[in-house]
Amino acid sequence: MINDQDIFKALIVRKHNSSFSYKIEEKKIQDLPKGELLIKVNYTNINFKDAMSCQGNPSITRRFPHTPGIDACGKVIHSSDPEFYPEDDVLIICRPMGLNTSGGFAEFIRIPSSWAIKIDKEIKKEYLMAFGTAGFTGIIAVNSIIKSFNNLPSKVIVSGATGGLALISILILKNLGIKVTALTRSKLFLNKLKLIGIDEIIHPDKLIEITKQNLALPKWDAAIDVLGGDILSALIKTVKPKGSISVTGNAQSTSLNTNVLPFILRGISLNGVNAEMLGKDEIYNLIDKAINKSLIPDLIKTYTLINFDELPKYIDSYLKGEVFGRVVVKIS
């Protein structure tokens, strides 16, 4: 029986004047926020927002000490909501956990029951966390593109191609038989990109060079962008008539400097993607698409499974751009 004085481990970010540090420390159950569900975490993962929280980014987290982790899978230990019972397997994804409330980088979490999704016990939690919020965002981005076409697009460019969201998008596109161009600055992971079937790799500087005018030679039917800023501006100029761009992130910049010609002369569309707007029914439908047997062999190539005590080291590597794809963390 778990009680408020029981101790568990969590990664804690602390603020020291204007600097931040993070390491695994001990907490008590009573330190967790209020909520209807107490959950023992089995798996979590590293997302871009988690890394930003570890750096003290005020647009992500404002109160410290803090435990990040926007995704988690685990078992219910205690529930005051009659819809959930102890031993229920649950998924927490695409919700505001881990931003300004204690998150999944911990052995235990306490959350509002509205954040939890019941999952079948036979679903492999490791695979769900390989997708995570980033991967589900990738699924939505691909769906957004497909809805823009009567037939499937033949050629799509994806920015930030070695990151988790982009790689999940690429796997889905390749599974549909679509040719994919990867846009990346990374020289570390070119061979890994080729192993998952990338058709073309382009450096961002080359893209910027060929898009200095208001319009550039139309080359791709569609694009998925995680960066924003100059890269998104360049992609807008290169998409073919009636093409579309799914905008999923702002890893480079929140700004956008563009012109109207690609929109009025080529009729392209720009579609924003935010997985946190998904309802529970939509998430259930996406789970079925994510745990797709045809995707699993390639999915395994795009994530690293680590133990909880390795988490601080991998956050360091993530922040340095030394991580390929997703990092899944086995907590217990």
Protein backbone atom coordinates (compact mmCIF):
# COMPACT_ATOMS: atom_id res chain seq x y z
CA MET A 1 0.00 0.00 0.00
CA ILE A 2 1.42 3.37 -1.06
CA ASN A 3 1.19 6.23 1.46
CA ASP A 4 2.11 9.91 1.39
CA GLN A 5 5.43 9.37 3.18
CA ASP A 6 6.73 6.79 0.70
CA ILE A 7 9.81 7.86 -1.23
CA PHE A 8 10.34 7.57 -4.98
CA LYS A 9 12.87 8.80 -7.54
CA ALA A 10 12.32 11.65 -10.00
CA LEU A 11 14.42 13.85 -12.23
CA ILE A 12 14.33 17.34 -10.73
CA VAL A 13 15.31 20.58 -12.45
CA ARG A 14 16.54 23.26 -10.06
CA LYS A 15 17.12 26.94 -10.64
CA HIS A 16 20.31 28.57 -9.35
CA ASN A 17 20.04 32.34 -9.94
CA SER A 18 19.95 32.40 -13.77
CA SER A 19 21.27 28.87 -14.37
CA PHE A 20 19.60 25.46 -14.19
CA SER A 21 20.68 21.93 -13.26
CA TYR A 22 18.95 18.56 -13.32
CA LYS A 23 19.54 15.20 -11.68
CA ILE A 24 17.63 12.26 -10.26
CA GLU A 25 16.62 12.88 -6.64
CA GLU A 26 14.21 11.47 -4.07
CA LYS A 27 10.71 12.84 -3.46
CA LYS A 28 7.76 11.85 -1.29
CA ILE A 29 4.35 10.91 -2.65
CA GLN A 30 2.91 13.86 -0.72
CA ASP A 31 5.02 16.19 -2.91
CA LEU A 32 2.98 15.28 -6.00
CA PRO A 33 0.21 17.60 -7.20
CA LYS A 34 -3.43 16.81 -6.50
CA GLY A 35 -5.33 14.55 -8.89
CA GLU A 36 -7.72 11.63 -9.09
CA LEU A 37 -5.13 9.10 -10.27
CA LEU A 38 -1.86 7.96 -8.69
CA ILE A 39 0.11 6.08 -11.35
CA LYS A 40 3.26 4.01 -11.27
CA VAL A 41 5.19 4.97 -14.40
CA ASN A 42 6.57 2.15 -16.55
CA TYR A 43 7.86 4.18 -19.51
CA THR A 44 8.34 7.78 -20.54
CA ASN A 45 10.36 9.50 -23.30
CA ILE A 46 12.27 12.69 -24.10
CA ASN A 47 10.41 15.37 -26.06
CA PHE A 48 11.60 18.77 -27.25
CA LYS A 49 9.49 20.46 -24.56
CA ASP A 50 11.12 18.32 -21.88
CA ALA A 51 14.58 19.38 -23.00
CA MET A 52 13.51 23.03 -23.02
CA SER A 53 12.10 22.64 -19.51
CA CYS A 54 15.45 21.24 -18.34
CA GLN A 55 17.05 24.44 -19.64
CA GLY A 56 14.55 26.59 -17.77
CA ASN A 57 12.79 27.91 -20.88
CA PRO A 58 10.10 30.25 -19.44
CA SER A 59 7.67 29.58 -22.29
CA ILE A 60 7.57 25.93 -21.14
CA THR A 61 8.07 25.99 -17.34
CA ARG A 62 8.05 28.90 -14.90
CA ARG A 63 8.13 27.24 -11.46
CA PHE A 64 11.12 25.37 -10.08
CA PRO A 65 12.12 22.89 -8.73
CA HIS A 66 10.31 20.94 -11.42
CA THR A 67 9.98 17.42 -12.85
CA PRO A 68 9.51 17.43 -16.65
CA GLY A 69 8.04 14.66 -18.80
CA ILE A 70 5.01 15.30 -21.02
CA ASP A 71 4.41 11.60 -21.83
CA ALA A 72 4.00 8.50 -19.68
CA CYS A 73 2.66 4.96 -19.66
CA GLY A 74 1.96 3.09 -16.45
CA LYS A 75 -0.43 1.38 -14.05
CA VAL A 76 -3.03 2.98 -11.80
CA ILE A 77 -2.15 2.54 -8.12
CA HIS A 78 -5.00 4.57 -6.61
CA SER A 79 -8.11 6.13 -8.17
CA SER A 80 -10.85 8.36 -6.81
CA ASP A 81 -12.54 8.29 -10.24
CA PRO A 82 -14.98 5.36 -10.64
CA GLU A 83 -13.98 5.00 -14.31
CA PHE A 84 -10.48 3.86 -13.33
CA TYR A 85 -9.35 0.97 -11.13
CA PRO A 86 -6.01 -0.09 -9.62
CA GLU A 87 -3.95 -2.10 -12.15
CA ASP A 88 -5.53 -0.32 -15.14
CA ASP A 89 -2.92 0.33 -17.81
CA VAL A 90 -3.00 3.98 -18.88
CA LEU A 91 -1.39 6.35 -21.37
CA ILE A 92 -0.84 10.06 -20.75
CA ILE A 93 -0.10 11.85 -23.98
CA CYS A 94 -0.93 15.14 -25.74
CA ARG A 95 -1.85 16.78 -22.43
CA PRO A 96 -0.25 19.63 -20.39
CA MET A 97 1.51 17.28 -17.96
CA GLY A 98 5.16 18.08 -17.27
CA LEU A 99 4.97 21.75 -18.23
CA ASN A 100 3.91 23.59 -15.10
CA THR A 101 2.92 20.48 -13.20
CA SER A 102 5.04 17.50 -12.16
CA GLY A 103 5.62 15.17 -15.13
CA GLY A 104 6.58 11.70 -16.26
CA PHE A 105 10.32 11.75 -15.45
CA ALA A 106 9.47 9.98 -12.19
CA GLU A 107 8.56 6.61 -10.71
CA PHE A 108 5.14 7.97 -9.72
CA ILE A 109 2.83 10.68 -11.04
CA ARG A 110 -0.50 12.03 -9.80
CA ILE A 111 -2.75 13.55 -12.44
CA PRO A 112 -6.35 14.55 -13.24
CA SER A 113 -8.17 11.48 -14.55
CA SER A 114 -9.19 13.47 -17.65
CA TRP A 115 -5.57 13.23 -18.84
CA ALA A 116 -5.45 9.42 -18.77
CA ILE A 117 -6.35 7.03 -21.59
CA LYS A 118 -7.03 3.39 -20.75
CA ILE A 119 -5.06 1.01 -22.95
CA ASP A 120 -5.21 -2.73 -23.53
CA LYS A 121 -2.71 -4.71 -21.50
CA GLU A 122 -1.36 -6.41 -24.63
CA ILE A 123 -0.27 -3.12 -26.20
CA LYS A 124 3.48 -2.73 -25.85
CA LYS A 125 4.05 0.44 -23.84
CA GLU A 126 7.60 0.77 -25.14
CA TYR A 127 6.23 1.24 -28.67
CA LEU A 128 3.63 3.77 -27.52
CA MET A 129 6.36 5.82 -25.89
CA ALA A 130 8.49 5.52 -29.04
CA PHE A 131 5.67 7.47 -30.70
CA GLY A 132 4.69 9.73 -27.81
CA THR A 133 3.30 13.22 -28.35
CA ALA A 134 5.94 13.90 -31.02
CA GLY A 135 5.00 10.80 -32.99
CA PHE A 136 1.27 11.42 -32.72
CA THR A 137 1.91 14.94 -33.99
CA GLY A 138 3.71 13.36 -36.93
CA ILE A 139 0.70 11.17 -37.69
CA ILE A 140 -1.59 14.22 -37.68
CA ALA A 141 0.84 16.10 -39.92
CA VAL A 142 0.81 13.31 -42.50
CA ASN A 143 -2.99 13.03 -42.32
CA SER A 144 -3.26 16.77 -42.88
CA ILE A 145 -1.20 16.47 -46.06
CA ILE A 146 -3.18 13.50 -47.37
CA LYS A 147 -6.48 15.36 -46.90
CA SER A 148 -5.15 18.06 -49.25
CA PHE A 149 -4.85 15.63 -52.17
CA ASN A 150 -7.28 13.53 -54.18
CA ASN A 151 -4.48 10.99 -54.50
CA LEU A 152 -1.42 10.49 -52.33
CA PRO A 153 1.38 13.02 -52.90
CA SER A 154 4.38 11.53 -54.67
CA LYS A 155 7.17 13.57 -53.05
CA VAL A 156 7.35 15.20 -49.60
CA ILE A 157 10.15 17.09 -47.83
CA VAL A 158 10.52 16.86 -44.03
CA SER A 159 12.64 19.29 -42.01
CA GLY A 160 14.57 18.45 -38.82
CA ALA A 161 14.76 14.94 -40.21
CA THR A 162 16.80 13.31 -37.42
CA GLY A 163 14.34 14.37 -34.71
CA GLY A 164 11.56 12.20 -33.34
CA LEU A 165 8.55 13.97 -34.84
CA ALA A 166 10.14 14.14 -38.27
CA LEU A 167 11.28 10.51 -38.22
CA ILE A 168 7.83 9.22 -37.31
CA SER A 169 6.39 11.31 -40.15
CA ILE A 170 9.00 9.86 -42.51
CA LEU A 171 8.21 6.27 -41.48
CA ILE A 172 4.51 6.79 -42.19
CA LEU A 173 5.17 8.50 -45.52
CA LYS A 174 7.52 5.71 -46.63
CA ASN A 175 4.99 3.10 -45.50
CA LEU A 176 2.51 4.76 -47.88
CA GLY A 177 5.00 4.53 -50.75
CA ILE A 178 5.78 8.26 -50.86
CA LYS A 179 9.26 9.52 -51.78
CA VAL A 180 10.79 11.54 -48.94
CA THR A 181 13.46 14.24 -48.93
CA ALA A 182 15.13 14.74 -45.55
CA LEU A 183 16.25 18.24 -44.62
CA THR A 184 18.97 18.16 -41.96
CA ARG A 185 22.20 19.80 -40.80
CA SER A 186 23.33 16.66 -39.03
CA LYS A 187 26.33 14.81 -40.43
CA LEU A 188 26.25 12.19 -37.65
CA PHE A 189 23.18 10.31 -38.78
CA LEU A 190 23.19 10.32 -42.58
CA ASN A 191 23.69 6.54 -42.74
CA LYS A 192 20.81 5.97 -40.33
CA LEU A 193 18.53 8.08 -42.51
CA LYS A 194 19.50 6.00 -45.53
CA LEU A 195 18.74 2.80 -43.60
CA ILE A 196 15.09 3.84 -43.19
CA GLY A 197 14.77 4.49 -46.93
CA ILE A 198 15.25 8.23 -47.34
CA ASP A 199 15.29 9.07 -51.06
CA GLU A 200 17.20 12.36 -50.85
CA ILE A 201 19.04 14.36 -48.19
CA ILE A 202 19.42 18.14 -48.42
CA HIS A 203 21.32 20.57 -46.18
CA PRO A 204 19.22 23.59 -45.06
CA ASP A 205 21.81 26.01 -46.46
CA LYS A 206 21.21 24.60 -49.94
CA LEU A 207 17.45 25.07 -49.56
CA ILE A 208 17.94 28.69 -48.47
CA GLU A 209 20.30 29.30 -51.40
CA ILE A 210 17.76 28.20 -54.01
CA THR A 211 14.86 30.16 -52.49
CA LYS A 212 16.13 33.74 -52.41
CA GLN A 213 13.38 34.99 -54.73
CA ASN A 214 9.68 35.27 -53.95
CA LEU A 215 9.10 32.00 -55.77
CA ALA A 216 11.45 29.08 -56.39
CA LEU A 217 11.28 26.10 -58.70
CA PRO A 218 8.40 23.93 -57.43
CA LYS A 219 9.92 20.66 -56.32
CA TRP A 220 7.79 18.95 -53.63
CA ASP A 221 4.09 18.15 -53.44
CA ALA A 222 4.05 18.82 -49.71
CA ALA A 223 6.21 19.48 -46.68
CA ILE A 224 6.27 18.83 -42.94
CA ASP A 225 8.14 21.48 -40.97
CA VAL A 226 9.30 21.36 -37.35
CA LEU A 227 11.59 24.41 -37.45
CA GLY A 228 9.73 27.56 -38.47
CA GLY A 229 11.67 30.72 -39.36
CA ASP A 230 13.77 30.83 -42.54
CA ILE A 231 13.29 27.13 -43.29
CA LEU A 232 9.50 27.38 -43.33
CA SER A 233 9.76 30.53 -45.46
CA ALA A 234 11.92 28.62 -47.94
CA LEU A 235 9.64 25.57 -48.02
CA ILE A 236 6.62 27.74 -48.85
CA LYS A 237 8.39 28.87 -52.04
CA THR A 238 9.20 25.34 -53.26
CA VAL A 239 5.90 23.48 -52.85
CA LYS A 240 4.11 22.63 -56.08
CA PRO A 241 0.72 24.13 -57.05
CA LYS A 242 -2.13 23.02 -54.76
CA GLY A 243 0.42 21.53 -52.37
CA SER A 244 0.35 21.82 -48.61
CA ILE A 245 2.64 22.28 -45.63
CA SER A 246 2.01 20.90 -42.14
CA VAL A 247 3.55 23.24 -39.55
CA THR A 248 4.33 21.29 -36.39
CA GLY A 249 6.98 23.20 -34.45
CA ASN A 250 9.22 26.19 -33.95
CA ALA A 251 12.56 24.59 -33.03
CA GLN A 252 14.42 27.26 -35.01
CA SER A 253 12.13 30.28 -34.73
CA THR A 254 8.55 31.39 -34.09
CA SER A 255 8.79 34.01 -36.84
CA LEU A 256 7.74 33.67 -40.48
CA ASN A 257 8.88 36.02 -43.24
CA THR A 258 7.03 35.21 -46.46
CA ASN A 259 5.11 36.70 -49.39
CA VAL A 260 1.70 36.07 -50.92
CA LEU A 261 2.80 34.70 -54.32
CA PRO A 262 3.01 31.00 -53.36
CA PHE A 263 -0.53 31.28 -51.97
CA ILE A 264 -2.24 33.23 -54.74
CA LEU A 265 -0.29 31.89 -57.75
CA ARG A 266 0.14 28.27 -56.65
CA GLY A 267 -2.75 27.93 -54.23
CA ILE A 268 -0.73 26.19 -51.54
CA SER A 269 -2.11 25.69 -48.04
CA LEU A 270 -0.40 26.11 -44.67
CA ASN A 271 -1.86 23.93 -41.90
CA GLY A 272 -1.00 24.21 -38.21
CA VAL A 273 -0.77 21.02 -36.14
CA ASN A 274 -1.26 20.84 -32.36
CA ALA A 275 -1.65 17.36 -30.84
CA GLU A 276 -2.76 18.81 -27.48
CA MET A 277 -6.10 19.68 -29.09
CA LEU A 278 -6.93 15.99 -29.61
CA GLY A 279 -9.91 14.49 -27.79
CA LYS A 280 -9.79 11.04 -26.19
CA ASP A 281 -11.62 9.37 -29.09
CA GLU A 282 -9.15 10.85 -31.56
CA ILE A 283 -6.23 9.58 -29.48
CA TYR A 284 -7.75 6.08 -29.41
CA ASN A 285 -7.96 6.14 -33.20
CA LEU A 286 -4.34 7.28 -33.47
CA ILE A 287 -3.18 4.48 -31.16
CA ASP A 288 -4.51 1.97 -33.68
CA LYS A 289 -2.56 3.69 -36.45
CA ALA A 290 0.60 3.94 -34.35
CA ILE A 291 0.76 0.30 -33.27
CA ASN A 292 0.81 -0.87 -36.87
CA LYS A 293 2.70 -4.10 -37.49
CA SER A 294 4.05 -2.80 -40.80
CA LEU A 295 5.61 0.22 -39.03
CA ILE A 296 7.21 -1.58 -36.05
CA PRO A 297 10.36 -2.95 -37.81
CA ASP A 298 11.33 0.54 -38.96
CA LEU A 299 10.15 2.18 -35.74
CA ILE A 300 12.67 0.09 -33.80
CA LYS A 301 15.45 1.66 -35.90
CA THR A 302 14.43 5.17 -34.82
CA TYR A 303 14.51 5.04 -31.02
CA THR A 304 16.89 4.21 -28.18
CA LEU A 305 15.70 2.43 -25.03
CA ILE A 306 17.44 3.56 -21.84
CA ASN A 307 17.11 3.00 -18.11
CA PHE A 308 15.91 5.75 -15.77
CA ASP A 309 19.35 6.37 -14.27
CA GLU A 310 20.69 7.17 -17.78
CA LEU A 311 18.15 9.96 -18.32
CA PRO A 312 20.32 12.97 -17.26
CA LYS A 313 23.13 11.85 -19.59
CA TYR A 314 20.73 11.49 -22.52
CA ILE A 315 19.17 14.89 -21.87
CA ASP A 316 22.71 16.31 -22.13
CA SER A 317 23.14 14.54 -25.47
CA TYR A 318 19.70 15.61 -26.68
CA LEU A 319 20.49 19.26 -26.00
CA LYS A 320 23.77 18.91 -27.94
CA GLY A 321 22.00 17.44 -30.98
CA GLU A 322 23.70 14.08 -30.51
CA VAL A 323 20.52 11.96 -30.36
CA PHE A 324 18.91 10.27 -33.36
CA GLY A 325 15.14 10.04 -33.21
CA ARG A 326 13.30 9.15 -30.04
CA VAL A 327 14.59 8.20 -26.59
CA VAL A 328 12.33 5.85 -24.63
CA VAL A 329 12.98 5.66 -20.88
CA LYS A 330 12.17 2.50 -18.93
CA ILE A 331 11.23 3.64 -15.43
CA SER A 332 10.03 0.45 -13.76
